[in-house]
Amino acid sequence: MSTAIAATNHQFKLASRPTGAATRENFSYGEEPVAQPAEGGVLVKTLMLSLDPAMRGWMNEGKSYIPPVQIGEVMRAGGVGRVVASKNPAFAVGDVVYGTLGVQEYALVSADEVKRSGLVKIDLKAGTAGQWLNVLGMPGMTGYFGLLDVGLAKAGDTVVVSGAAGAVGQTVGQLAKIKGCRAIGIAGGTAKCEWVVKELGFDACIDYKAGPGAVREGLKEHAPKGVDVYFDNVGGEILDTVMAKLARKARIVICGAISQYNNANSMPAAGPKNYLSLLVNRARMEGMVVFDYADRYHIAIAEMAGYLKDGRMKSREDIVQGIEKFPEALGKLFSGENFGKLVLEVAKD
């Protein structure tokens, strides 16, 4: 199988470190010639890129679970693409792959970068390219291992997840239901809450935009005996509110804190004020990073591909078309505009 290769590769590079929200001014958009792979390397044509809240953290200088993107470096992003040239026996021209491709039309992956970028072949019979960036991709893996390995969710538990209509949240709630839990979402807006309940099958969804005290009152109504597992994607005030409703021996999974990511560098992330609830309820709060579970992704993918196939799980993507729209598309995550997993379509397959 042969695929046409363009002469130029358009790409976004990090031009400056953002203070607050990242804007187009923080990136340079340019082009370079498409190069052929050396021995052991692979050239991938990018089809779709995953836009994730973690990308904002990768732009900050400082120690974290992964090195920051350097100034002048192609902006880091996971994606799905098709191999258009290969000098690596593990990949053939025409293979569909997932890996860290970066915000660019073509990713040249050298021999020593293949493993580091997590480049793997994927099967589009198990799910669409969008689903491989959602339920079968990093968000799905985050939800799976966060809920089951860190949250230790079991049948009968009341599970609450913030960002319920987003990429990770939709997996957490659906998986909780499959495992016999009561699933309560927290999301912004009537449309998202209705979708979470009517389409995804959550038991309830609390609209945090419904007014002051909406989350507190919602938890009082929908989790009268307390929260056994809280999967936190937003941090801030919502985290504090849920901590006031913990059940005995509750588990809080700290996955992200999107409400805090765009704070100015001089303003540190707000920590929980109600942390003594952990003491009173003999509860625990633990952070998780999905890359720690990479050697077990295949187990979660096989299980959740089965759920997609038999209809027990759904996967919704919010697709923005055109690589040139990257900065504005990324901003949708932090304004809450996205409805489902935010994906940037770079090219039609």
Protein backbone atom coordinates (compact mmCIF):
# COMPACT_ATOMS: atom_id res chain seq x y z
CA MET A 1 0.00 0.00 0.00
CA SER A 2 1.36 3.42 -0.90
CA THR A 3 0.26 6.80 0.39
CA ALA A 4 0.91 10.20 -1.14
CA ILE A 5 3.38 12.28 0.84
CA ALA A 6 3.21 16.06 0.76
CA ALA A 7 6.39 18.07 0.20
CA THR A 8 5.94 20.19 3.33
CA ASN A 9 5.05 19.53 6.93
CA HIS A 10 3.04 22.21 8.75
CA GLN A 11 3.59 22.27 12.50
CA PHE A 12 3.07 24.24 15.70
CA LYS A 13 6.09 24.85 17.92
CA LEU A 14 6.11 26.32 21.41
CA ALA A 15 7.34 29.91 21.06
CA SER A 16 6.96 31.12 24.64
CA ARG A 17 5.73 29.84 27.99
CA PRO A 18 2.17 31.02 28.70
CA THR A 19 1.22 33.12 31.69
CA GLY A 20 -2.36 32.07 32.32
CA ALA A 21 -4.19 30.66 29.32
CA ALA A 22 -2.19 29.57 26.27
CA THR A 23 -2.96 31.64 23.16
CA ARG A 24 -1.88 31.63 19.52
CA GLU A 25 0.93 34.05 20.47
CA ASN A 26 2.59 31.27 22.50
CA PHE A 27 3.10 29.18 19.36
CA SER A 28 4.83 29.57 16.03
CA TYR A 29 3.14 28.05 12.99
CA GLY A 30 5.47 27.14 10.18
CA GLU A 31 6.52 24.51 7.73
CA GLU A 32 9.53 22.36 6.93
CA PRO A 33 10.30 19.79 4.25
CA VAL A 34 9.09 16.25 4.90
CA ALA A 35 12.13 14.02 5.45
CA GLN A 36 12.44 10.29 4.86
CA PRO A 37 13.15 7.97 7.81
CA ALA A 38 16.64 6.65 8.52
CA GLU A 39 17.32 3.01 9.42
CA GLY A 40 14.87 1.89 12.13
CA GLY A 41 12.69 4.99 11.71
CA VAL A 42 9.11 5.58 10.63
CA LEU A 43 7.31 8.45 8.90
CA VAL A 44 3.70 8.86 10.00
CA LYS A 45 1.00 11.01 8.40
CA THR A 46 -1.08 12.49 11.23
CA LEU A 47 -4.82 11.90 11.00
CA MET A 48 -6.12 12.99 14.40
CA LEU A 49 -4.59 14.55 17.50
CA SER A 50 -5.78 14.33 21.07
CA LEU A 51 -6.23 17.70 22.83
CA ASP A 52 -5.88 17.20 26.58
CA PRO A 53 -5.77 19.43 29.68
CA ALA A 54 -2.33 18.00 30.48
CA MET A 55 -0.93 19.88 27.48
CA ARG A 56 -1.17 23.13 29.44
CA GLY A 57 1.07 21.69 32.15
CA TRP A 58 3.61 20.47 29.59
CA MET A 59 4.19 24.10 28.57
CA ASN A 60 5.38 25.10 32.05
CA GLU A 61 9.03 25.01 33.01
CA GLY A 62 9.83 22.94 36.07
CA LYS A 63 9.94 19.39 37.33
CA SER A 64 6.90 17.22 36.67
CA TYR A 65 6.05 13.63 35.77
CA ILE A 66 7.23 14.33 32.20
CA PRO A 67 9.79 16.86 30.91
CA PRO A 68 8.33 20.17 29.69
CA VAL A 69 8.09 20.98 26.00
CA GLN A 70 11.12 23.10 25.17
CA ILE A 71 10.91 26.48 23.45
CA GLY A 72 11.24 25.90 19.71
CA GLU A 73 10.09 22.28 20.02
CA VAL A 74 7.03 20.86 18.24
CA MET A 75 4.13 20.96 20.68
CA ARG A 76 3.64 17.54 22.26
CA ALA A 77 0.40 15.70 21.49
CA GLY A 78 -0.75 12.12 21.21
CA GLY A 79 -2.34 11.13 17.95
CA VAL A 80 -3.40 8.54 15.43
CA GLY A 81 -1.77 8.37 12.01
CA ARG A 82 -0.92 6.14 9.09
CA VAL A 83 2.60 4.96 8.27
CA VAL A 84 3.66 6.38 4.90
CA ALA A 85 7.33 5.31 4.93
CA SER A 86 9.14 2.80 7.10
CA LYS A 87 12.62 1.41 7.65
CA ASN A 88 11.51 -0.42 10.80
CA PRO A 89 10.46 -4.09 10.49
CA ALA A 90 7.77 -3.61 13.17
CA PHE A 91 5.84 -1.14 10.99
CA ALA A 92 4.69 -1.45 7.39
CA VAL A 93 3.47 1.26 5.04
CA GLY A 94 -0.28 1.49 5.55
CA ASP A 95 -0.27 0.53 9.24
CA VAL A 96 -2.43 2.72 11.48
CA VAL A 97 -0.54 3.72 14.61
CA TYR A 98 -0.98 5.59 17.87
CA GLY A 99 1.80 7.53 19.60
CA THR A 100 3.18 10.92 20.53
CA LEU A 101 3.11 12.51 17.08
CA GLY A 102 3.14 16.21 18.00
CA VAL A 103 1.04 19.01 16.53
CA GLN A 104 2.16 18.54 12.94
CA GLU A 105 1.04 16.95 9.69
CA TYR A 106 3.90 14.43 9.52
CA ALA A 107 5.83 12.86 12.39
CA LEU A 108 9.31 11.52 11.65
CA VAL A 109 9.98 9.00 14.42
CA SER A 110 13.61 7.89 14.63
CA ALA A 111 14.69 4.42 15.73
CA ASP A 112 15.48 5.52 19.28
CA GLU A 113 12.22 7.51 19.54
CA VAL A 114 9.89 4.67 18.57
CA LYS A 115 9.62 3.28 22.11
CA ARG A 116 9.83 6.67 23.82
CA SER A 117 6.93 8.00 21.75
CA GLY A 118 4.83 4.94 22.55
CA LEU A 119 4.34 4.18 18.86
CA VAL A 120 2.11 1.11 18.50
CA LYS A 121 -0.05 -0.38 15.78
CA ILE A 122 -3.78 -0.14 16.38
CA ASP A 123 -6.76 -1.94 14.90
CA LEU A 124 -9.53 0.24 13.51
CA LYS A 125 -11.86 -2.77 13.73
CA ALA A 126 -11.78 -2.33 17.52
CA GLY A 127 -12.75 1.34 17.30
CA THR A 128 -12.60 4.44 15.14
CA ALA A 129 -9.56 6.73 15.12
CA GLY A 130 -11.48 9.09 17.41
CA GLN A 131 -12.28 6.27 19.83
CA TRP A 132 -8.60 5.34 19.93
CA LEU A 133 -7.99 8.85 21.29
CA ASN A 134 -10.88 8.55 23.72
CA VAL A 135 -12.15 5.36 25.39
CA LEU A 136 -9.38 3.21 23.86
CA GLY A 137 -6.70 5.90 24.29
CA MET A 138 -5.06 7.85 27.09
CA PRO A 139 -8.32 9.24 28.55
CA GLY A 140 -9.88 5.78 28.66
CA MET A 141 -6.78 4.27 30.22
CA THR A 142 -6.78 7.07 32.80
CA GLY A 143 -10.39 6.40 33.69
CA TYR A 144 -9.93 2.64 33.83
CA PHE A 145 -6.85 2.47 36.04
CA GLY A 146 -7.78 5.52 38.08
CA LEU A 147 -11.19 4.10 38.98
CA LEU A 148 -10.19 0.49 39.50
CA ASP A 149 -6.55 0.53 40.66
CA VAL A 150 -6.47 3.80 42.60
CA GLY A 151 -10.13 4.31 43.47
CA LEU A 152 -10.67 0.58 44.12
CA ALA A 153 -14.29 0.95 43.04
CA LYS A 154 -16.48 -2.05 43.81
CA ALA A 155 -20.12 -2.98 43.33
CA GLY A 156 -22.40 -0.92 45.55
CA ASP A 157 -20.06 2.08 45.81
CA THR A 158 -21.28 5.59 45.09
CA VAL A 159 -18.86 7.05 42.55
CA VAL A 160 -18.79 10.78 41.77
CA VAL A 161 -16.80 12.13 38.82
CA SER A 162 -16.25 15.78 37.87
CA GLY A 163 -15.84 16.76 34.23
CA ALA A 164 -18.35 13.98 33.58
CA ALA A 165 -19.03 14.93 29.95
CA GLY A 166 -15.33 15.14 29.12
CA ALA A 167 -12.99 12.47 27.86
CA VAL A 168 -11.95 10.87 31.16
CA GLY A 169 -15.24 11.53 32.94
CA GLN A 170 -17.42 9.74 30.41
CA THR A 171 -15.32 6.58 30.74
CA VAL A 172 -15.26 6.70 34.54
CA GLY A 173 -19.03 6.94 34.88
CA GLN A 174 -19.84 4.27 32.31
CA LEU A 175 -17.25 1.89 33.74
CA ALA A 176 -18.56 2.51 37.26
CA LYS A 177 -22.04 1.44 36.11
CA ILE A 178 -20.67 -1.67 34.38
CA LYS A 179 -18.91 -2.62 37.65
CA GLY A 180 -22.13 -2.27 39.65
CA CYS A 181 -21.60 1.17 41.20
CA ARG A 182 -23.91 4.16 41.50
CA ALA A 183 -22.52 6.84 39.16
CA ILE A 184 -23.04 10.55 39.73
CA GLY A 185 -21.54 13.09 37.33
CA ILE A 186 -20.72 16.75 37.76
CA ALA A 187 -20.78 18.77 34.53
CA GLY A 188 -21.45 22.29 33.27
CA GLY A 189 -24.79 22.96 31.62
CA THR A 190 -28.16 21.27 31.14
CA ALA A 191 -27.27 19.69 27.78
CA LYS A 192 -24.17 17.96 29.13
CA CYS A 193 -25.99 16.69 32.22
CA GLU A 194 -28.87 15.34 30.15
CA TRP A 195 -26.47 13.53 27.83
CA VAL A 196 -24.54 12.02 30.74
CA VAL A 197 -27.75 10.60 32.26
CA LYS A 198 -29.83 9.74 29.19
CA GLU A 199 -27.10 8.55 26.81
CA LEU A 200 -24.33 7.29 29.08
CA GLY A 201 -26.56 5.87 31.79
CA PHE A 202 -25.25 7.75 34.85
CA ASP A 203 -27.69 7.66 37.76
CA ALA A 204 -27.58 11.44 38.12
CA CYS A 205 -25.65 14.50 37.02
CA ILE A 206 -25.17 17.76 38.92
CA ASP A 207 -24.96 20.98 36.91
CA TYR A 208 -22.34 23.07 38.68
CA LYS A 209 -23.45 26.10 36.65
CA ALA A 210 -26.96 25.96 38.15
CA GLY A 211 -26.01 28.43 40.85
CA PRO A 212 -24.15 28.78 44.16
CA GLY A 213 -24.57 25.67 46.25
CA ALA A 214 -25.67 23.52 43.29
CA VAL A 215 -22.99 20.89 43.86
CA ARG A 216 -23.56 20.78 47.63
CA GLU A 217 -27.32 20.40 47.21
CA GLY A 218 -26.91 17.88 44.41
CA LEU A 219 -24.67 15.66 46.52
CA LYS A 220 -27.11 15.90 49.42
CA GLU A 221 -29.86 14.64 47.09
CA HIS A 222 -28.00 12.05 45.05
CA ALA A 223 -25.41 10.75 47.54
CA PRO A 224 -27.27 10.86 50.86
CA LYS A 225 -25.03 8.18 52.41
CA GLY A 226 -21.84 9.88 51.23
CA VAL A 227 -19.32 9.47 48.42
CA ASP A 228 -17.22 6.29 48.33
CA VAL A 229 -15.06 7.21 45.33
CA TYR A 230 -14.50 10.71 44.00
CA PHE A 231 -12.66 10.92 40.68
CA ASP A 232 -11.44 14.51 40.48
CA ASN A 233 -10.68 16.20 37.17
CA VAL A 234 -11.26 19.82 38.16
CA GLY A 235 -9.89 20.61 41.66
CA GLY A 236 -10.73 23.92 43.33
CA GLU A 237 -14.08 24.61 44.96
CA ILE A 238 -15.77 21.45 43.62
CA LEU A 239 -13.10 19.26 45.24
CA ASP A 240 -13.70 21.00 48.57
CA THR A 241 -17.46 20.54 48.27
CA VAL A 242 -17.18 16.80 47.57
CA MET A 243 -14.69 16.34 50.41
CA ALA A 244 -17.39 17.55 52.79
CA LYS A 245 -19.57 14.59 51.71
CA LEU A 246 -17.12 11.68 51.96
CA ALA A 247 -18.22 8.32 53.29
CA ARG A 248 -16.12 6.29 55.73
CA LYS A 249 -13.00 4.87 54.02
CA ALA A 250 -13.62 6.93 50.88
CA ARG A 251 -11.02 7.18 48.10
CA ILE A 252 -10.30 10.36 46.15
CA VAL A 253 -8.49 9.95 42.82
CA ILE A 254 -6.56 13.09 41.85
CA CYS A 255 -6.43 12.92 38.08
CA GLY A 256 -6.36 16.62 37.24
CA ALA A 257 -7.36 20.13 38.29
CA ILE A 258 -8.42 21.92 35.13
CA SER A 259 -9.87 24.81 37.14
CA GLN A 260 -6.33 25.66 38.26
CA TYR A 261 -4.21 25.11 35.14
CA ASN A 262 -4.50 28.61 33.75
CA ASN A 263 -3.57 30.37 37.00
CA ALA A 264 -0.84 32.95 36.50
CA ASN A 265 2.62 31.65 37.41
CA SER A 266 2.59 33.82 40.52
CA MET A 267 -0.63 32.18 41.74
CA PRO A 268 -0.14 28.58 42.88
CA ALA A 269 -2.90 26.01 42.53
CA ALA A 270 -5.44 26.24 45.32
CA GLY A 271 -5.22 23.20 47.59
CA PRO A 272 -8.14 21.58 49.41
CA LYS A 273 -9.45 23.44 52.44
CA ASN A 274 -11.51 20.50 53.69
CA TYR A 275 -8.60 18.06 53.88
CA LEU A 276 -9.37 17.18 57.52
CA SER A 277 -12.35 15.28 56.14
CA LEU A 278 -9.76 12.65 55.19
CA LEU A 279 -8.91 12.24 58.88
CA VAL A 280 -12.50 12.22 60.14
CA ASN A 281 -13.63 9.68 57.54
CA ARG A 282 -10.41 7.60 57.49
CA ALA A 283 -10.31 8.39 53.80
CA ARG A 284 -7.39 8.78 51.41
CA MET A 285 -6.49 10.96 48.45
CA GLU A 286 -4.02 9.71 45.84
CA GLY A 287 -2.67 11.14 42.62
CA MET A 288 -2.39 9.08 39.46
CA VAL A 289 -0.50 9.39 36.17
CA VAL A 290 -1.68 7.11 33.40
CA PHE A 291 1.82 6.36 32.03
CA ASP A 292 2.51 4.25 35.14
CA TYR A 293 0.13 1.62 33.75
CA ALA A 294 1.51 1.44 30.21
CA ASP A 295 2.46 -2.23 30.49
CA ARG A 296 -1.22 -3.06 31.17
CA TYR A 297 -2.92 -0.87 28.57
CA HIS A 298 -3.61 -3.92 26.39
CA ILE A 299 -5.75 -5.44 29.13
CA ALA A 300 -7.91 -2.33 29.50
CA ILE A 301 -8.16 -1.83 25.73
CA ALA A 302 -9.37 -5.40 25.17
CA GLU A 303 -11.97 -5.08 27.93
CA MET A 304 -13.33 -1.70 26.85
CA ALA A 305 -13.30 -2.55 23.13
CA GLY A 306 -15.68 -5.34 24.13
CA TYR A 307 -17.94 -2.84 25.91
CA LEU A 308 -17.97 -0.58 22.84
CA LYS A 309 -18.84 -3.52 20.62
CA ASP A 310 -21.71 -4.79 22.77
CA GLY A 311 -23.10 -1.29 23.37
CA ARG A 312 -22.46 -1.08 27.10
CA MET A 313 -20.10 1.85 26.56
CA LYS A 314 -20.35 4.88 24.28
CA SER A 315 -17.62 7.20 23.07
CA ARG A 316 -18.34 10.79 22.09
CA GLU A 317 -15.77 12.98 20.34
CA ASP A 318 -15.87 16.73 19.73
CA ILE A 319 -13.93 17.03 16.47
CA VAL A 320 -12.35 20.28 15.27
CA GLN A 321 -11.08 20.17 11.69
CA GLY A 322 -7.81 21.71 10.52
CA ILE A 323 -4.36 21.80 12.11
CA GLU A 324 -4.28 25.60 11.72
CA LYS A 325 -7.04 25.85 14.36
CA PHE A 326 -4.96 24.18 17.08
CA PRO A 327 -4.50 27.09 19.55
CA GLU A 328 -8.17 28.06 19.57
CA ALA A 329 -9.28 24.42 19.71
CA LEU A 330 -7.08 23.80 22.75
CA GLY A 331 -8.70 26.78 24.45
CA LYS A 332 -12.11 25.07 24.27
CA LEU A 333 -10.96 22.67 27.00
CA PHE A 334 -10.52 25.44 29.54
CA SER A 335 -13.69 27.37 28.68
CA GLY A 336 -15.75 24.18 28.92
CA GLU A 337 -16.92 24.52 25.31
CA ASN A 338 -16.01 20.99 24.31
CA PHE A 339 -18.73 18.35 24.49
CA GLY A 340 -17.01 14.97 24.68
CA LYS A 341 -13.39 14.13 23.93
CA LEU A 342 -11.74 17.05 22.12
CA VAL A 343 -9.99 15.90 18.94
CA LEU A 344 -8.21 17.84 16.19
CA GLU A 345 -8.64 16.28 12.76
CA VAL A 346 -5.47 16.99 10.79
CA ALA A 347 -6.19 14.95 7.66
CA LYS A 348 -8.85 12.63 6.23
CA ASP A 349 -7.71 9.04 6.02
